[in-house]
Amino acid sequence: MDNFMNTQQIVRNMNQKILGGAKIPHTSSFPVLRKKDGKYVIALFTLLQTREQREQNKMQRPSYWCVADVQDGDNFVEYNCKENEFCTAPYDRLYNRGIPARAGNEQDIKSLYAQLDEIRMNYVKSGVIDAFSYKRYLDELFKLIPSGQINFYRELSKMV
């Protein structure tokens, strides 16, 4: 498993490629797993945002989403939601961002990424996702993200 890359580095690489690297105000999600074309990939969604929306604690629904290889982050592909949708939320409204159940710190995020590293490593070795561990990962993730985004994460984390 020489080319296994940790989640934090994969996410960093994906974030550099999102929106073609353009400096457009946006935020990217934490990583989730998604089954695509019969195999699991790392997936992120992208929310475009304005300063006014941020100040009002509002957000648009995701506009883009991207995937990369679960082992090493290769094969990055970005999708425009209007052309290749993952989400059922309507476009014609703003959503309340909400607040996280608890404020996460750097150690919480490192721990979260370490959990996903372990799940991914197990998948690469065995070809099986440990559903219990992945549910625990999502439960911890949902504590750290604004409540208004949870459904976006659930829809992106399509496992079938």
N, C-alpha and C. Protein backbone atom coordinates (compact mmCIF):
# COMPACT_ATOMS: atom_id res chain seq x y z
N MET A 1 0.82 -1.18 0.00
CA MET A 1 0.00 0.00 0.00
C MET A 1 0.86 1.25 0.00
N ASP A 2 1.83 1.24 -0.85
CA ASP A 2 2.81 2.32 -0.91
C ASP A 2 2.19 3.66 -1.28
N ASN A 3 1.13 3.65 -2.05
CA ASN A 3 0.58 4.92 -2.51
C ASN A 3 -0.65 5.37 -1.73
N PHE A 4 -0.84 4.85 -0.52
CA PHE A 4 -1.95 5.29 0.33
C PHE A 4 -1.63 6.68 0.85
N MET A 5 -2.53 7.62 0.61
CA MET A 5 -2.34 9.01 1.06
C MET A 5 -3.35 9.31 2.16
N ASN A 6 -2.93 10.05 3.18
CA ASN A 6 -3.85 10.35 4.27
C ASN A 6 -4.96 11.29 3.80
N THR A 7 -6.08 11.22 4.47
CA THR A 7 -7.27 11.98 4.09
C THR A 7 -7.00 13.48 4.07
N GLN A 8 -6.30 13.96 5.05
CA GLN A 8 -6.03 15.39 5.13
C GLN A 8 -5.31 15.89 3.87
N GLN A 9 -4.34 15.14 3.38
CA GLN A 9 -3.60 15.55 2.18
C GLN A 9 -4.49 15.44 0.94
N ILE A 10 -5.30 14.40 0.86
CA ILE A 10 -6.21 14.25 -0.28
C ILE A 10 -7.17 15.43 -0.33
N VAL A 11 -7.73 15.79 0.81
CA VAL A 11 -8.67 16.92 0.86
C VAL A 11 -7.96 18.21 0.47
N ARG A 12 -6.76 18.41 0.95
CA ARG A 12 -5.97 19.60 0.59
C ARG A 12 -5.77 19.65 -0.92
N ASN A 13 -5.42 18.53 -1.52
CA ASN A 13 -5.22 18.48 -2.97
C ASN A 13 -6.53 18.74 -3.73
N MET A 14 -7.62 18.15 -3.24
CA MET A 14 -8.92 18.35 -3.89
C MET A 14 -9.33 19.82 -3.81
N ASN A 15 -9.12 20.44 -2.66
CA ASN A 15 -9.49 21.84 -2.49
C ASN A 15 -8.73 22.77 -3.43
N GLN A 16 -7.50 22.41 -3.77
CA GLN A 16 -6.73 23.21 -4.71
C GLN A 16 -7.28 23.12 -6.13
N LYS A 17 -7.98 22.03 -6.43
CA LYS A 17 -8.50 21.81 -7.78
C LYS A 17 -9.95 22.26 -7.96
N ILE A 18 -10.67 22.45 -6.84
CA ILE A 18 -12.08 22.83 -6.90
C ILE A 18 -12.23 24.14 -7.67
N LEU A 19 -13.27 24.20 -8.50
CA LEU A 19 -13.57 25.36 -9.33
C LEU A 19 -12.40 25.74 -10.22
N GLY A 20 -11.64 24.75 -10.60
CA GLY A 20 -10.49 24.98 -11.46
C GLY A 20 -9.43 25.85 -10.81
N GLY A 21 -9.47 25.93 -9.48
CA GLY A 21 -8.50 26.75 -8.75
C GLY A 21 -8.87 28.22 -8.73
N ALA A 22 -10.04 28.59 -9.27
CA ALA A 22 -10.46 29.99 -9.32
C ALA A 22 -10.66 30.53 -7.91
N LYS A 23 -10.40 31.81 -7.75
CA LYS A 23 -10.55 32.48 -6.46
C LYS A 23 -11.97 33.04 -6.32
N ILE A 24 -12.95 32.14 -6.31
CA ILE A 24 -14.36 32.49 -6.16
C ILE A 24 -14.74 32.19 -4.72
N PRO A 25 -15.45 33.10 -4.03
CA PRO A 25 -15.83 32.83 -2.64
C PRO A 25 -16.66 31.55 -2.53
N HIS A 26 -16.13 30.60 -1.78
CA HIS A 26 -16.81 29.31 -1.63
C HIS A 26 -16.30 28.63 -0.36
N THR A 27 -16.98 27.59 -0.02
CA THR A 27 -16.53 26.73 1.07
C THR A 27 -16.72 25.29 0.62
N SER A 28 -15.84 24.42 1.05
CA SER A 28 -15.92 23.01 0.69
C SER A 28 -16.25 22.20 1.93
N SER A 29 -16.91 21.10 1.69
CA SER A 29 -17.33 20.24 2.80
C SER A 29 -16.17 19.42 3.34
N PHE A 30 -16.43 18.78 4.46
CA PHE A 30 -15.54 17.74 4.93
C PHE A 30 -15.74 16.53 4.01
N PRO A 31 -14.80 15.60 4.00
CA PRO A 31 -14.93 14.44 3.11
C PRO A 31 -15.92 13.41 3.61
N VAL A 32 -16.59 12.79 2.67
CA VAL A 32 -17.44 11.63 2.94
C VAL A 32 -17.09 10.58 1.90
N LEU A 33 -17.59 9.39 2.09
CA LEU A 33 -17.43 8.34 1.10
C LEU A 33 -18.71 8.24 0.28
N ARG A 34 -18.56 7.89 -0.96
CA ARG A 34 -19.69 7.75 -1.87
C ARG A 34 -19.38 6.59 -2.80
N LYS A 35 -20.39 5.80 -3.09
CA LYS A 35 -20.20 4.71 -4.04
C LYS A 35 -20.52 5.25 -5.42
N LYS A 36 -19.56 5.16 -6.31
CA LYS A 36 -19.70 5.68 -7.66
C LYS A 36 -19.12 4.66 -8.63
N ASP A 37 -19.93 4.26 -9.57
CA ASP A 37 -19.50 3.27 -10.58
C ASP A 37 -18.97 2.00 -9.93
N GLY A 38 -19.64 1.57 -8.85
CA GLY A 38 -19.31 0.29 -8.23
C GLY A 38 -18.17 0.31 -7.23
N LYS A 39 -17.56 1.47 -7.00
CA LYS A 39 -16.48 1.53 -6.01
C LYS A 39 -16.61 2.79 -5.18
N TYR A 40 -15.98 2.79 -4.02
CA TYR A 40 -16.05 3.93 -3.12
C TYR A 40 -15.00 4.97 -3.49
N VAL A 41 -15.40 6.22 -3.36
CA VAL A 41 -14.53 7.36 -3.62
C VAL A 41 -14.69 8.36 -2.47
N ILE A 42 -13.74 9.25 -2.35
CA ILE A 42 -13.85 10.37 -1.42
C ILE A 42 -14.62 11.46 -2.15
N ALA A 43 -15.60 12.06 -1.47
CA ALA A 43 -16.42 13.09 -2.10
C ALA A 43 -16.51 14.34 -1.22
N LEU A 44 -16.54 15.49 -1.87
CA LEU A 44 -16.74 16.79 -1.23
C LEU A 44 -17.80 17.55 -2.01
N PHE A 45 -18.52 18.45 -1.35
CA PHE A 45 -19.38 19.37 -2.10
C PHE A 45 -18.87 20.78 -1.88
N THR A 46 -19.28 21.68 -2.78
CA THR A 46 -18.85 23.07 -2.74
C THR A 46 -20.06 23.98 -2.66
N LEU A 47 -20.03 24.89 -1.71
CA LEU A 47 -21.07 25.91 -1.56
C LEU A 47 -20.49 27.25 -2.00
N LEU A 48 -21.10 27.88 -2.98
CA LEU A 48 -20.72 29.24 -3.33
C LEU A 48 -21.36 30.15 -2.29
N GLN A 49 -20.70 31.23 -1.95
CA GLN A 49 -21.26 32.09 -0.90
C GLN A 49 -20.87 33.53 -1.11
N THR A 50 -21.73 34.42 -0.64
CA THR A 50 -21.43 35.84 -0.64
C THR A 50 -21.19 36.28 0.80
N ARG A 51 -20.58 37.42 0.96
CA ARG A 51 -20.34 37.96 2.29
C ARG A 51 -21.68 38.19 3.01
N GLU A 52 -22.66 38.70 2.28
CA GLU A 52 -23.98 38.96 2.87
C GLU A 52 -24.62 37.67 3.38
N GLN A 53 -24.53 36.61 2.61
CA GLN A 53 -25.08 35.32 3.05
C GLN A 53 -24.37 34.85 4.32
N ARG A 54 -23.06 34.97 4.35
CA ARG A 54 -22.29 34.56 5.53
C ARG A 54 -22.72 35.36 6.76
N GLU A 55 -22.86 36.67 6.58
CA GLU A 55 -23.25 37.53 7.70
C GLU A 55 -24.65 37.21 8.20
N GLN A 56 -25.53 36.76 7.32
CA GLN A 56 -26.91 36.43 7.68
C GLN A 56 -27.06 34.96 8.09
N ASN A 57 -25.95 34.23 8.13
CA ASN A 57 -25.95 32.80 8.46
C ASN A 57 -26.83 32.01 7.50
N LYS A 58 -26.77 32.39 6.23
CA LYS A 58 -27.52 31.72 5.16
C LYS A 58 -26.52 31.10 4.19
N MET A 59 -27.02 30.18 3.38
CA MET A 59 -26.16 29.55 2.38
C MET A 59 -27.02 29.10 1.20
N GLN A 60 -26.37 28.98 0.06
CA GLN A 60 -26.99 28.37 -1.10
C GLN A 60 -26.83 26.86 -0.95
N ARG A 61 -27.60 26.11 -1.68
CA ARG A 61 -27.38 24.67 -1.71
C ARG A 61 -26.10 24.41 -2.50
N PRO A 62 -25.50 23.24 -2.39
CA PRO A 62 -24.26 22.99 -3.12
C PRO A 62 -24.43 23.21 -4.63
N SER A 63 -23.39 23.78 -5.22
CA SER A 63 -23.38 24.04 -6.65
C SER A 63 -22.51 23.03 -7.40
N TYR A 64 -21.51 22.51 -6.73
CA TYR A 64 -20.57 21.58 -7.32
C TYR A 64 -20.28 20.47 -6.32
N TRP A 65 -19.81 19.36 -6.83
CA TRP A 65 -19.30 18.29 -5.98
C TRP A 65 -18.18 17.62 -6.74
N CYS A 66 -17.29 16.97 -6.01
CA CYS A 66 -16.15 16.34 -6.65
C CYS A 66 -15.82 15.03 -5.95
N VAL A 67 -15.13 14.19 -6.66
CA VAL A 67 -14.71 12.89 -6.13
C VAL A 67 -13.25 12.65 -6.49
N ALA A 68 -12.62 11.79 -5.72
CA ALA A 68 -11.25 11.36 -5.98
C ALA A 68 -11.09 9.94 -5.47
N ASP A 69 -10.08 9.28 -5.96
CA ASP A 69 -9.79 7.90 -5.59
C ASP A 69 -9.61 7.78 -4.07
N VAL A 70 -10.20 6.75 -3.51
CA VAL A 70 -10.21 6.56 -2.06
C VAL A 70 -8.82 6.21 -1.51
N GLN A 71 -7.95 5.68 -2.33
CA GLN A 71 -6.63 5.28 -1.84
C GLN A 71 -5.62 6.42 -1.89
N ASP A 72 -5.56 7.12 -3.01
CA ASP A 72 -4.49 8.11 -3.17
C ASP A 72 -4.95 9.47 -3.67
N GLY A 73 -6.27 9.67 -3.83
CA GLY A 73 -6.77 10.97 -4.26
C GLY A 73 -6.64 11.24 -5.75
N ASP A 74 -6.17 10.27 -6.51
CA ASP A 74 -6.06 10.45 -7.96
C ASP A 74 -7.44 10.46 -8.60
N ASN A 75 -7.46 10.70 -9.88
CA ASN A 75 -8.69 10.68 -10.68
C ASN A 75 -9.73 11.67 -10.17
N PHE A 76 -9.29 12.88 -9.86
CA PHE A 76 -10.19 13.94 -9.41
C PHE A 76 -11.16 14.28 -10.53
N VAL A 77 -12.46 14.32 -10.19
CA VAL A 77 -13.50 14.72 -11.14
C VAL A 77 -14.43 15.67 -10.40
N GLU A 78 -14.74 16.80 -11.02
CA GLU A 78 -15.67 17.77 -10.44
C GLU A 78 -16.93 17.83 -11.29
N TYR A 79 -18.07 17.92 -10.62
CA TYR A 79 -19.37 17.95 -11.30
C TYR A 79 -20.10 19.23 -10.96
N ASN A 80 -20.76 19.79 -11.95
CA ASN A 80 -21.69 20.89 -11.73
C ASN A 80 -23.02 20.26 -11.36
N CYS A 81 -23.61 20.66 -10.26
CA CYS A 81 -24.85 20.03 -9.79
C CYS A 81 -26.00 20.16 -10.79
N LYS A 82 -25.98 21.21 -11.60
CA LYS A 82 -27.06 21.38 -12.58
C LYS A 82 -26.94 20.37 -13.72
N GLU A 83 -25.78 19.78 -13.87
CA GLU A 83 -25.57 18.78 -14.92
C GLU A 83 -25.51 17.36 -14.38
N ASN A 84 -25.03 17.21 -13.16
CA ASN A 84 -24.89 15.89 -12.54
C ASN A 84 -25.19 16.04 -11.06
N GLU A 85 -26.45 15.88 -10.72
CA GLU A 85 -26.95 16.21 -9.39
C GLU A 85 -26.70 15.11 -8.36
N PHE A 86 -26.43 15.51 -7.13
CA PHE A 86 -26.39 14.56 -6.01
C PHE A 86 -27.43 14.93 -4.95
N CYS A 87 -28.01 16.10 -5.05
CA CYS A 87 -28.80 16.68 -3.97
C CYS A 87 -30.23 16.99 -4.43
N THR A 88 -31.20 16.81 -3.54
CA THR A 88 -32.59 17.07 -3.88
C THR A 88 -33.06 18.46 -3.46
N ALA A 89 -32.23 19.24 -2.79
CA ALA A 89 -32.63 20.57 -2.32
C ALA A 89 -32.87 21.51 -3.50
N PRO A 90 -33.93 22.30 -3.44
CA PRO A 90 -34.20 23.25 -4.53
C PRO A 90 -33.16 24.37 -4.60
N TYR A 91 -32.99 24.92 -5.77
CA TYR A 91 -32.03 26.00 -5.99
C TYR A 91 -32.61 27.38 -5.65
N ASP A 92 -33.91 27.51 -5.59
CA ASP A 92 -34.55 28.82 -5.55
C ASP A 92 -34.72 29.40 -4.15
N ARG A 93 -33.92 28.96 -3.21
CA ARG A 93 -34.00 29.51 -1.86
C ARG A 93 -32.65 29.45 -1.18
N LEU A 94 -32.53 30.24 -0.11
CA LEU A 94 -31.35 30.17 0.74
C LEU A 94 -31.68 29.30 1.94
N TYR A 95 -30.69 28.67 2.50
CA TYR A 95 -30.86 27.74 3.62
C TYR A 95 -30.19 28.33 4.85
N ASN A 96 -30.77 28.05 6.01
CA ASN A 96 -30.13 28.44 7.26
C ASN A 96 -28.89 27.59 7.45
N ARG A 97 -27.80 28.24 7.72
CA ARG A 97 -26.55 27.51 7.92
C ARG A 97 -26.64 26.68 9.20
N GLY A 98 -27.26 27.23 10.22
CA GLY A 98 -27.35 26.52 11.49
C GLY A 98 -26.05 26.64 12.26
N ILE A 99 -26.00 25.92 13.36
CA ILE A 99 -24.79 25.93 14.18
C ILE A 99 -24.39 24.49 14.47
N PRO A 100 -23.10 24.25 14.65
CA PRO A 100 -22.68 22.89 15.01
C PRO A 100 -23.10 22.54 16.43
N ALA A 101 -23.24 21.25 16.69
CA ALA A 101 -23.57 20.79 18.04
C ALA A 101 -22.47 21.20 19.02
N ARG A 102 -21.24 21.24 18.54
CA ARG A 102 -20.13 21.73 19.35
C ARG A 102 -19.07 22.30 18.42
N ALA A 103 -18.34 23.26 18.92
CA ALA A 103 -17.29 23.87 18.13
C ALA A 103 -16.11 22.90 18.04
N GLY A 104 -15.72 22.57 16.84
CA GLY A 104 -14.58 21.67 16.66
C GLY A 104 -13.28 22.44 16.68
N ASN A 105 -12.26 21.80 17.17
CA ASN A 105 -10.93 22.41 17.14
C ASN A 105 -10.04 21.57 16.22
N GLU A 106 -8.80 21.97 16.12
CA GLU A 106 -7.87 21.28 15.22
C GLU A 106 -7.73 19.80 15.57
N GLN A 107 -7.71 19.49 16.87
CA GLN A 107 -7.58 18.10 17.29
C GLN A 107 -8.80 17.28 16.90
N ASP A 108 -10.01 17.87 16.99
CA ASP A 108 -11.24 17.17 16.57
C ASP A 108 -11.18 16.81 15.09
N ILE A 109 -10.68 17.74 14.30
CA ILE A 109 -10.61 17.52 12.85
C ILE A 109 -9.56 16.47 12.53
N LYS A 110 -8.41 16.51 13.21
CA LYS A 110 -7.39 15.49 13.01
C LYS A 110 -7.93 14.11 13.38
N SER A 111 -8.67 14.04 14.47
CA SER A 111 -9.26 12.78 14.90
C SER A 111 -10.27 12.27 13.87
N LEU A 112 -11.07 13.18 13.35
CA LEU A 112 -12.05 12.82 12.33
C LEU A 112 -11.35 12.25 11.09
N TYR A 113 -10.31 12.94 10.63
CA TYR A 113 -9.57 12.46 9.46
C TYR A 113 -8.89 11.12 9.74
N ALA A 114 -8.40 10.94 10.95
CA ALA A 114 -7.77 9.66 11.31
C ALA A 114 -8.80 8.52 11.25
N GLN A 115 -10.02 8.80 11.69
CA GLN A 115 -11.08 7.79 11.59
C GLN A 115 -11.32 7.41 10.14
N LEU A 116 -11.41 8.42 9.27
CA LEU A 116 -11.66 8.13 7.86
C LEU A 116 -10.46 7.43 7.23
N ASP A 117 -9.24 7.77 7.65
CA ASP A 117 -8.06 7.05 7.16
C ASP A 117 -8.17 5.56 7.46
N GLU A 118 -8.57 5.24 8.68
CA GLU A 118 -8.70 3.85 9.09
C GLU A 118 -9.77 3.12 8.26
N ILE A 119 -10.90 3.77 8.05
CA ILE A 119 -11.98 3.18 7.26
C ILE A 119 -11.51 2.94 5.83
N ARG A 120 -10.84 3.93 5.27
CA ARG A 120 -10.34 3.82 3.89
C ARG A 120 -9.28 2.72 3.77
N MET A 121 -8.37 2.68 4.74
CA MET A 121 -7.31 1.67 4.73
C MET A 121 -7.93 0.27 4.76
N ASN A 122 -8.90 0.07 5.61
CA ASN A 122 -9.60 -1.21 5.71
C ASN A 122 -10.26 -1.55 4.37
N TYR A 123 -10.88 -0.56 3.74
CA TYR A 123 -11.53 -0.78 2.45
C TYR A 123 -10.51 -1.17 1.38
N VAL A 124 -9.39 -0.48 1.34
CA VAL A 124 -8.36 -0.78 0.34
C VAL A 124 -7.83 -2.20 0.53
N LYS A 125 -7.65 -2.63 1.78
CA LYS A 125 -7.13 -3.97 2.08
C LYS A 125 -8.17 -5.06 1.83
N SER A 126 -9.42 -4.81 2.22
CA SER A 126 -10.43 -5.87 2.22
C SER A 126 -11.51 -5.74 1.14
N GLY A 127 -11.67 -4.55 0.58
CA GLY A 127 -12.74 -4.32 -0.38
C GLY A 127 -14.10 -4.13 0.26
N VAL A 128 -14.11 -3.98 1.61
CA VAL A 128 -15.36 -3.85 2.35
C VAL A 128 -15.30 -2.59 3.21
N ILE A 129 -16.40 -1.84 3.20
CA ILE A 129 -16.52 -0.69 4.10
C ILE A 129 -17.08 -1.18 5.43
N ASP A 130 -16.43 -0.83 6.51
CA ASP A 130 -16.92 -1.14 7.85
C ASP A 130 -18.05 -0.15 8.15
N ALA A 131 -19.29 -0.59 7.98
CA ALA A 131 -20.46 0.28 8.10
C ALA A 131 -20.58 0.89 9.49
N PHE A 132 -20.25 0.12 10.51
CA PHE A 132 -20.33 0.63 11.88
C PHE A 132 -19.34 1.78 12.08
N SER A 133 -18.12 1.59 11.63
CA SER A 133 -17.11 2.64 11.78
C SER A 133 -17.46 3.87 10.95
N TYR A 134 -18.00 3.65 9.77
CA TYR A 134 -18.37 4.78 8.93
C TYR A 134 -19.54 5.55 9.54
N LYS A 135 -20.50 4.85 10.14
CA LYS A 135 -21.61 5.54 10.82
C LYS A 135 -21.07 6.36 11.98
N ARG A 136 -20.12 5.81 12.73
CA ARG A 136 -19.51 6.54 13.84
C ARG A 136 -18.79 7.79 13.32
N TYR A 137 -18.10 7.66 12.18
CA TYR A 137 -17.44 8.81 11.55
C TYR A 137 -18.48 9.89 11.23
N LEU A 138 -19.58 9.50 10.59
CA LEU A 138 -20.62 10.48 10.23
C LEU A 138 -21.23 11.12 11.47
N ASP A 139 -21.47 10.32 12.52
CA ASP A 139 -22.02 10.87 13.76
C ASP A 139 -21.09 11.94 14.34
N GLU A 140 -19.79 11.68 14.34
CA GLU A 140 -18.82 12.66 14.84
C GLU A 140 -18.76 13.88 13.93
N LEU A 141 -18.80 13.66 12.63
CA LEU A 141 -18.79 14.75 11.66
C LEU A 141 -19.99 15.65 11.87
N PHE A 142 -21.18 15.07 12.04
CA PHE A 142 -22.40 15.84 12.18
C PHE A 142 -22.41 16.71 13.44
N LYS A 143 -21.59 16.38 14.42
CA LYS A 143 -21.48 17.22 15.61
C LYS A 143 -20.68 18.50 15.32
N LEU A 144 -19.80 18.43 14.30
CA LEU A 144 -18.88 19.53 14.03
C LEU A 144 -19.33 20.46 12.91
N ILE A 145 -20.35 20.07 12.16
CA ILE A 145 -20.78 20.89 11.03
C ILE A 145 -22.07 21.63 11.37
N PRO A 146 -22.30 22.75 10.72
CA PRO A 146 -23.56 23.46 10.94
C PRO A 146 -24.75 22.56 10.58
N SER A 147 -25.75 22.60 11.43
CA SER A 147 -26.91 21.70 11.29
C SER A 147 -27.60 21.83 9.94
N GLY A 148 -27.56 23.01 9.33
CA GLY A 148 -28.22 23.20 8.04
C GLY A 148 -27.56 22.45 6.90
N GLN A 149 -26.36 21.93 7.12
CA GLN A 149 -25.65 21.22 6.05
C GLN A 149 -25.77 19.70 6.15
N ILE A 150 -26.32 19.19 7.22
CA ILE A 150 -26.32 17.74 7.44
C ILE A 150 -26.99 16.97 6.29
N ASN A 151 -28.12 17.45 5.80
CA ASN A 151 -28.79 16.73 4.70
C ASN A 151 -27.95 16.70 3.44
N PHE A 152 -27.18 17.77 3.19
CA PHE A 152 -26.29 17.76 2.03
C PHE A 152 -25.25 16.64 2.17
N TYR A 153 -24.70 16.50 3.36
CA TYR A 153 -23.73 15.44 3.62
C TYR A 153 -24.37 14.06 3.46
N ARG A 154 -25.57 13.91 3.99
CA ARG A 154 -26.24 12.60 3.87
C ARG A 154 -26.46 12.23 2.40
N GLU A 155 -26.89 13.20 1.61
CA GLU A 155 -27.14 12.90 0.20
C GLU A 155 -25.86 12.63 -0.57
N LEU A 156 -24.79 13.36 -0.24
CA LEU A 156 -23.53 13.12 -0.93
C LEU A 156 -22.93 11.77 -0.54
N SER A 157 -23.17 11.34 0.67
CA SER A 157 -22.61 10.09 1.17
C SER A 157 -23.47 8.90 0.75
N LYS A 158 -23.78 8.84 -0.50
CA LYS A 158 -24.61 7.76 -1.04
C LYS A 158 -23.78 6.49 -1.10
N MET A 159 -24.23 5.48 -0.40
CA MET A 159 -23.41 4.27 -0.25
C MET A 159 -23.87 3.11 -1.14
N VAL A 160 -24.89 3.31 -1.95
CA VAL A 160 -25.35 2.22 -2.83
C VAL A 160 -25.36 2.67 -4.27
